[in-house]
Amino acid sequence: MGNGMSFDLTILKAKIEKIKAAYDSGKFGDALLSAVNTGNGLMQQRIFTTNQDIEGNSFGQYVGKKRKVRALPKTKNRTQAKRNKAVEGQELTYWQRKRALKGRQIIKKDLEFEGGLRRAIETKIQDEKSAVIEFNNDDAVKIAKGQEAQITNIRNGRPGTTKGTGIKIFTLDEKEREQVGEQGSELLKQILQTK
């Protein structure tokens, strides 16, 4: 028949059956969740390790009234005694002192204190077509929004309060979104490969 190209419908039918089987078995949901988990890991690395917002800017330094740390009570706990000795005599803000006494770094602002905020970030499947990264409790949401507002206020020369709106920290940046897309695309290709 004419110069038309022939097309083998059995190949198309096999691919459609494979897509249907992958969807029915939950493999698409698994691929989606895996890709979004990649984004969650990248986002948390940016927030809790490199201490940056979605634009790549540092959270900055701890601000507030600094006071000299006087002699702290003696303790039998060797680790705590070392921490106490390290901060005695230093000019520190309230949060720097609190962090130092827990063994946390105080050079630059970070959002990791006891790990609660990090642990509250979860990846969840909403349905067969979407997955989200979200906080699992209202306290974490409040802390996150407060930190975004506080960092923005400080950058703009205002008092470091948690009032107002702020820069985005707890969302995927452009690079993280791209990597999630690439990961998802690769996983779907693997699911649909013919054997």
C-alpha atoms as a PDB file:
ATOM      1  CA  MET A   1       0.000   0.000   0.000  1.00  0.00           C
ATOM      2  CA  GLY A   2       1.573   3.281  -1.067  1.00  0.00           C
ATOM      3  CA  ASN A   3       4.786   4.723   0.315  1.00  0.00           C
ATOM      4  CA  GLY A   4       3.579   4.756   3.934  1.00  0.00           C
ATOM      5  CA  MET A   5       5.832   3.398   6.647  1.00  0.00           C
ATOM      6  CA  SER A   6       4.867   0.120   8.168  1.00  0.00           C
ATOM      7  CA  PHE A   7       4.528  -0.008  11.924  1.00  0.00           C
ATOM      8  CA  ASP A   8       4.411  -3.114  14.031  1.00  0.00           C
ATOM      9  CA  LEU A   9       1.530  -2.626  16.475  1.00  0.00           C
ATOM     10  CA  THR A  10       2.695  -5.568  18.567  1.00  0.00           C
ATOM     11  CA  ILE A  11       5.684  -3.518  19.793  1.00  0.00           C
ATOM     12  CA  LEU A  12       3.411  -0.622  20.799  1.00  0.00           C
ATOM     13  CA  LYS A  13       0.938  -3.002  22.418  1.00  0.00           C
ATOM     14  CA  ALA A  14       3.767  -4.643  24.410  1.00  0.00           C
ATOM     15  CA  LYS A  15       5.002  -1.245  25.653  1.00  0.00           C
ATOM     16  CA  ILE A  16       1.479  -0.214  26.683  1.00  0.00           C
ATOM     17  CA  GLU A  17       1.054  -3.492  28.561  1.00  0.00           C
ATOM     18  CA  LYS A  18       4.379  -2.940  30.288  1.00  0.00           C
ATOM     19  CA  ILE A  19       3.357   0.598  31.340  1.00  0.00           C
ATOM     20  CA  LYS A  20       0.022  -0.709  32.629  1.00  0.00           C
ATOM     21  CA  ALA A  21       1.725  -3.519  34.549  1.00  0.00           C
ATOM     22  CA  ALA A  22       4.292  -1.105  36.078  1.00  0.00           C
ATOM     23  CA  TYR A  23       1.523   1.288  37.099  1.00  0.00           C
ATOM     24  CA  ASP A  24      -0.654  -1.492  38.559  1.00  0.00           C
ATOM     25  CA  SER A  25       2.262  -2.999  40.504  1.00  0.00           C
ATOM     26  CA  GLY A  26       3.205   0.326  42.102  1.00  0.00           C
ATOM     27  CA  LYS A  27       6.554   0.604  40.339  1.00  0.00           C
ATOM     28  CA  PHE A  28       5.732   4.113  39.095  1.00  0.00           C
ATOM     29  CA  GLY A  29       4.935   5.182  42.639  1.00  0.00           C
ATOM     30  CA  ASP A  30       8.192   3.627  43.825  1.00  0.00           C
ATOM     31  CA  ALA A  31      10.158   5.473  41.120  1.00  0.00           C
ATOM     32  CA  LEU A  32       8.441   8.734  42.001  1.00  0.00           C
ATOM     33  CA  LEU A  33       9.123   8.298  45.707  1.00  0.00           C
ATOM     34  CA  SER A  34      12.751   7.409  45.034  1.00  0.00           C
ATOM     35  CA  ALA A  35      13.256  10.521  42.891  1.00  0.00           C
ATOM     36  CA  VAL A  36      11.635  12.787  45.483  1.00  0.00           C
ATOM     37  CA  ASN A  37      13.742  11.144  48.224  1.00  0.00           C
ATOM     38  CA  THR A  38      16.791  12.221  46.217  1.00  0.00           C
ATOM     39  CA  GLY A  39      15.480  15.781  46.292  1.00  0.00           C
ATOM     40  CA  ASN A  40      14.841  15.548  50.023  1.00  0.00           C
ATOM     41  CA  GLY A  41      18.414  14.396  50.631  1.00  0.00           C
ATOM     42  CA  LEU A  42      19.872  17.165  48.474  1.00  0.00           C
ATOM     43  CA  MET A  43      17.685  19.803  50.135  1.00  0.00           C
ATOM     44  CA  GLN A  44      18.630  18.634  53.629  1.00  0.00           C
ATOM     45  CA  GLN A  45      22.315  18.640  52.701  1.00  0.00           C
ATOM     46  CA  ARG A  46      21.985  22.255  51.529  1.00  0.00           C
ATOM     47  CA  ILE A  47      20.064  23.303  54.661  1.00  0.00           C
ATOM     48  CA  PHE A  48      21.825  21.376  57.418  1.00  0.00           C
ATOM     49  CA  THR A  49      25.355  20.934  56.032  1.00  0.00           C
ATOM     50  CA  THR A  50      26.130  23.922  53.812  1.00  0.00           C
ATOM     51  CA  ASN A  51      23.629  26.238  55.606  1.00  0.00           C
ATOM     52  CA  GLN A  52      22.191  27.900  52.506  1.00  0.00           C
ATOM     53  CA  ASP A  53      18.809  29.138  51.293  1.00  0.00           C
ATOM     54  CA  ILE A  54      17.422  28.244  47.848  1.00  0.00           C
ATOM     55  CA  GLU A  55      19.437  31.071  46.270  1.00  0.00           C
ATOM     56  CA  GLY A  56      22.712  29.686  47.664  1.00  0.00           C
ATOM     57  CA  ASN A  57      23.150  32.423  50.274  1.00  0.00           C
ATOM     58  CA  SER A  58      24.576  31.582  53.693  1.00  0.00           C
ATOM     59  CA  PHE A  59      22.364  31.863  56.755  1.00  0.00           C
ATOM     60  CA  GLY A  60      24.981  34.228  58.203  1.00  0.00           C
ATOM     61  CA  GLN A  61      26.189  34.607  61.774  1.00  0.00           C
ATOM     62  CA  TYR A  62      24.410  34.431  65.101  1.00  0.00           C
ATOM     63  CA  VAL A  63      23.217  37.883  66.098  1.00  0.00           C
ATOM     64  CA  GLY A  64      22.083  39.330  69.354  1.00  0.00           C
ATOM     65  CA  LYS A  65      23.470  40.928  72.455  1.00  0.00           C
ATOM     66  CA  LYS A  66      26.723  39.275  73.433  1.00  0.00           C
ATOM     67  CA  ARG A  67      27.675  38.662  77.012  1.00  0.00           C
ATOM     68  CA  LYS A  68      30.820  37.287  78.549  1.00  0.00           C
ATOM     69  CA  VAL A  69      30.353  33.706  79.732  1.00  0.00           C
ATOM     70  CA  ARG A  70      31.372  33.517  83.379  1.00  0.00           C
ATOM     71  CA  ALA A  71      32.579  30.408  85.178  1.00  0.00           C
ATOM     72  CA  LEU A  72      30.135  27.556  84.786  1.00  0.00           C
ATOM     73  CA  PRO A  73      29.280  24.975  87.439  1.00  0.00           C
ATOM     74  CA  LYS A  74      31.683  22.056  87.770  1.00  0.00           C
ATOM     75  CA  THR A  75      30.583  18.745  86.345  1.00  0.00           C
ATOM     76  CA  LYS A  76      31.886  15.182  86.520  1.00  0.00           C
ATOM     77  CA  ASN A  77      30.985  14.619  82.882  1.00  0.00           C
ATOM     78  CA  ARG A  78      34.312  15.044  81.055  1.00  0.00           C
ATOM     79  CA  THR A  79      32.742  15.976  77.726  1.00  0.00           C
ATOM     80  CA  GLN A  80      30.563  18.649  79.290  1.00  0.00           C
ATOM     81  CA  ALA A  81      33.503  19.939  81.336  1.00  0.00           C
ATOM     82  CA  LYS A  82      35.470  20.433  78.087  1.00  0.00           C
ATOM     83  CA  ARG A  83      32.530  22.246  76.510  1.00  0.00           C
ATOM     84  CA  ASN A  84      32.148  24.482  79.550  1.00  0.00           C
ATOM     85  CA  LYS A  85      35.841  25.326  79.601  1.00  0.00           C
ATOM     86  CA  ALA A  86      35.792  26.144  75.874  1.00  0.00           C
ATOM     87  CA  VAL A  87      33.100  28.816  76.267  1.00  0.00           C
ATOM     88  CA  GLU A  88      34.187  30.406  79.557  1.00  0.00           C
ATOM     89  CA  GLY A  89      35.375  33.954  79.038  1.00  0.00           C
ATOM     90  CA  GLN A  90      33.974  34.211  75.491  1.00  0.00           C
ATOM     91  CA  GLU A  91      31.557  36.920  74.355  1.00  0.00           C
ATOM     92  CA  LEU A  92      28.568  34.941  73.078  1.00  0.00           C
ATOM     93  CA  THR A  93      24.938  35.513  72.188  1.00  0.00           C
ATOM     94  CA  TYR A  94      22.283  33.560  74.054  1.00  0.00           C
ATOM     95  CA  TRP A  95      21.989  31.000  71.239  1.00  0.00           C
ATOM     96  CA  GLN A  96      25.739  30.654  70.785  1.00  0.00           C
ATOM     97  CA  ARG A  97      26.106  29.880  74.482  1.00  0.00           C
ATOM     98  CA  LYS A  98      23.190  27.429  74.430  1.00  0.00           C
ATOM     99  CA  ARG A  99      24.608  25.671  71.355  1.00  0.00           C
ATOM    100  CA  ALA A 100      28.185  25.594  72.635  1.00  0.00           C
ATOM    101  CA  LEU A 101      27.104  24.000  75.901  1.00  0.00           C
ATOM    102  CA  LYS A 102      25.408  21.249  73.860  1.00  0.00           C
ATOM    103  CA  GLY A 103      28.545  20.721  71.784  1.00  0.00           C
ATOM    104  CA  ARG A 104      27.223  22.397  68.618  1.00  0.00           C
ATOM    105  CA  GLN A 105      29.259  24.719  66.413  1.00  0.00           C
ATOM    106  CA  ILE A 106      28.780  28.465  66.975  1.00  0.00           C
ATOM    107  CA  ILE A 107      30.810  30.056  64.171  1.00  0.00           C
ATOM    108  CA  LYS A 108      27.930  30.404  61.690  1.00  0.00           C
ATOM    109  CA  LYS A 109      24.170  30.105  61.983  1.00  0.00           C
ATOM    110  CA  ASP A 110      22.839  26.644  61.258  1.00  0.00           C
ATOM    111  CA  LEU A 111      19.463  25.032  61.761  1.00  0.00           C
ATOM    112  CA  GLU A 112      20.633  21.817  63.432  1.00  0.00           C
ATOM    113  CA  PHE A 113      20.379  21.733  67.209  1.00  0.00           C
ATOM    114  CA  GLU A 114      19.046  18.384  68.374  1.00  0.00           C
ATOM    115  CA  GLY A 115      17.985  17.039  64.971  1.00  0.00           C
ATOM    116  CA  GLY A 116      14.239  17.435  65.464  1.00  0.00           C
ATOM    117  CA  LEU A 117      13.738  19.756  62.503  1.00  0.00           C
ATOM    118  CA  ARG A 118      15.694  17.447  60.184  1.00  0.00           C
ATOM    119  CA  ARG A 119      13.801  14.365  61.374  1.00  0.00           C
ATOM    120  CA  ALA A 120      10.481  16.155  60.843  1.00  0.00           C
ATOM    121  CA  ILE A 121      11.070  16.442  57.074  1.00  0.00           C
ATOM    122  CA  GLU A 122       9.501  13.465  55.298  1.00  0.00           C
ATOM    123  CA  THR A 123       8.807  12.308  51.773  1.00  0.00           C
ATOM    124  CA  LYS A 124       5.309  10.945  51.175  1.00  0.00           C
ATOM    125  CA  ILE A 125       3.362   9.615  48.234  1.00  0.00           C
ATOM    126  CA  GLN A 126       0.163  11.633  47.776  1.00  0.00           C
ATOM    127  CA  ASP A 127      -1.228   9.455  44.985  1.00  0.00           C
ATOM    128  CA  GLU A 128       0.033   7.448  41.992  1.00  0.00           C
ATOM    129  CA  LYS A 129       1.108  10.655  40.265  1.00  0.00           C
ATOM    130  CA  SER A 130       2.637  12.797  42.989  1.00  0.00           C
ATOM    131  CA  ALA A 131       4.870  12.763  46.028  1.00  0.00           C
ATOM    132  CA  VAL A 132       5.687  15.580  48.429  1.00  0.00           C
ATOM    133  CA  ILE A 133       8.346  16.635  50.894  1.00  0.00           C
ATOM    134  CA  GLU A 134       6.677  17.960  54.016  1.00  0.00           C
ATOM    135  CA  PHE A 135       6.976  18.411  57.756  1.00  0.00           C
ATOM    136  CA  ASN A 136       5.305  15.758  59.885  1.00  0.00           C
ATOM    137  CA  ASN A 137       4.256  18.138  62.686  1.00  0.00           C
ATOM    138  CA  ASP A 138       3.026  21.695  63.201  1.00  0.00           C
ATOM    139  CA  ASP A 139       5.875  22.664  65.557  1.00  0.00           C
ATOM    140  CA  ALA A 140       8.434  21.976  62.827  1.00  0.00           C
ATOM    141  CA  VAL A 141       6.422  24.062  60.346  1.00  0.00           C
ATOM    142  CA  LYS A 142       6.369  26.951  62.841  1.00  0.00           C
ATOM    143  CA  ILE A 143      10.129  26.689  63.451  1.00  0.00           C
ATOM    144  CA  ALA A 144      10.888  26.545  59.720  1.00  0.00           C
ATOM    145  CA  LYS A 145       8.747  29.586  58.899  1.00  0.00           C
ATOM    146  CA  GLY A 146      10.251  31.428  61.869  1.00  0.00           C
ATOM    147  CA  GLN A 147      13.797  30.710  60.700  1.00  0.00           C
ATOM    148  CA  GLU A 148      12.999  31.883  57.164  1.00  0.00           C
ATOM    149  CA  ALA A 149      11.564  35.140  58.569  1.00  0.00           C
ATOM    150  CA  GLN A 150      14.393  35.629  61.077  1.00  0.00           C
ATOM    151  CA  ILE A 151      17.168  35.178  58.511  1.00  0.00           C
ATOM    152  CA  THR A 152      15.414  37.573  56.113  1.00  0.00           C
ATOM    153  CA  ASN A 153      14.919  40.190  58.832  1.00  0.00           C
ATOM    154  CA  ILE A 154      18.601  40.029  59.827  1.00  0.00           C
ATOM    155  CA  ARG A 155      19.750  40.320  56.194  1.00  0.00           C
ATOM    156  CA  ASN A 156      17.542  43.380  55.777  1.00  0.00           C
ATOM    157  CA  GLY A 157      18.965  45.087  58.873  1.00  0.00           C
ATOM    158  CA  ARG A 158      15.871  44.511  60.992  1.00  0.00           C
ATOM    159  CA  PRO A 159      15.733  42.820  64.406  1.00  0.00           C
ATOM    160  CA  GLY A 160      16.079  39.046  64.148  1.00  0.00           C
ATOM    161  CA  THR A 161      12.481  38.262  65.021  1.00  0.00           C
ATOM    162  CA  THR A 162      10.464  35.404  63.585  1.00  0.00           C
ATOM    163  CA  LYS A 163       7.691  37.731  62.437  1.00  0.00           C
ATOM    164  CA  GLY A 164       6.888  38.340  58.780  1.00  0.00           C
ATOM    165  CA  THR A 165       7.646  36.320  55.695  1.00  0.00           C
ATOM    166  CA  GLY A 166      11.042  35.291  54.548  1.00  0.00           C
ATOM    167  CA  ILE A 167      13.289  33.782  51.963  1.00  0.00           C
ATOM    168  CA  LYS A 168      12.669  30.183  51.028  1.00  0.00           C
ATOM    169  CA  ILE A 169      14.844  27.583  52.683  1.00  0.00           C
ATOM    170  CA  PHE A 170      12.648  24.511  53.068  1.00  0.00           C
ATOM    171  CA  THR A 171      11.877  23.880  49.415  1.00  0.00           C
ATOM    172  CA  LEU A 172      13.850  22.444  46.506  1.00  0.00           C
ATOM    173  CA  ASP A 173      16.098  24.892  44.685  1.00  0.00           C
ATOM    174  CA  GLU A 174      16.374  24.865  40.886  1.00  0.00           C
ATOM    175  CA  LYS A 175      19.362  22.485  40.780  1.00  0.00           C
ATOM    176  CA  GLU A 176      17.674  20.073  43.205  1.00  0.00           C
ATOM    177  CA  ARG A 177      14.498  20.115  41.070  1.00  0.00           C
ATOM    178  CA  GLU A 178      16.522  19.315  37.963  1.00  0.00           C
ATOM    179  CA  GLN A 179      18.207  16.382  39.699  1.00  0.00           C
ATOM    180  CA  VAL A 180      14.837  15.034  40.864  1.00  0.00           C
ATOM    181  CA  GLY A 181      13.566  15.220  37.262  1.00  0.00           C
ATOM    182  CA  GLU A 182      16.655  13.466  35.914  1.00  0.00           C
ATOM    183  CA  GLN A 183      16.457  10.762  38.594  1.00  0.00           C
ATOM    184  CA  GLY A 184      12.748  10.182  37.952  1.00  0.00           C
ATOM    185  CA  SER A 185      13.259  10.030  34.200  1.00  0.00           C
ATOM    186  CA  GLU A 186      16.089   7.503  34.552  1.00  0.00           C
ATOM    187  CA  LEU A 187      14.072   5.302  36.915  1.00  0.00           C
ATOM    188  CA  LEU A 188      11.074   5.297  34.552  1.00  0.00           C
ATOM    189  CA  LYS A 189      13.338   4.351  31.645  1.00  0.00           C
ATOM    190  CA  GLN A 190      14.622   1.407  33.680  1.00  0.00           C
ATOM    191  CA  ILE A 191      11.072   0.292  34.479  1.00  0.00           C
ATOM    192  CA  LEU A 192      10.010   0.427  30.843  1.00  0.00           C
ATOM    193  CA  GLN A 193      13.072  -1.220  29.304  1.00  0.00           C
ATOM    194  CA  THR A 194      12.261  -4.320  27.369  1.00  0.00           C
ATOM    195  CA  LYS A 195      13.825  -7.535  28.515  1.00  0.00           C
END
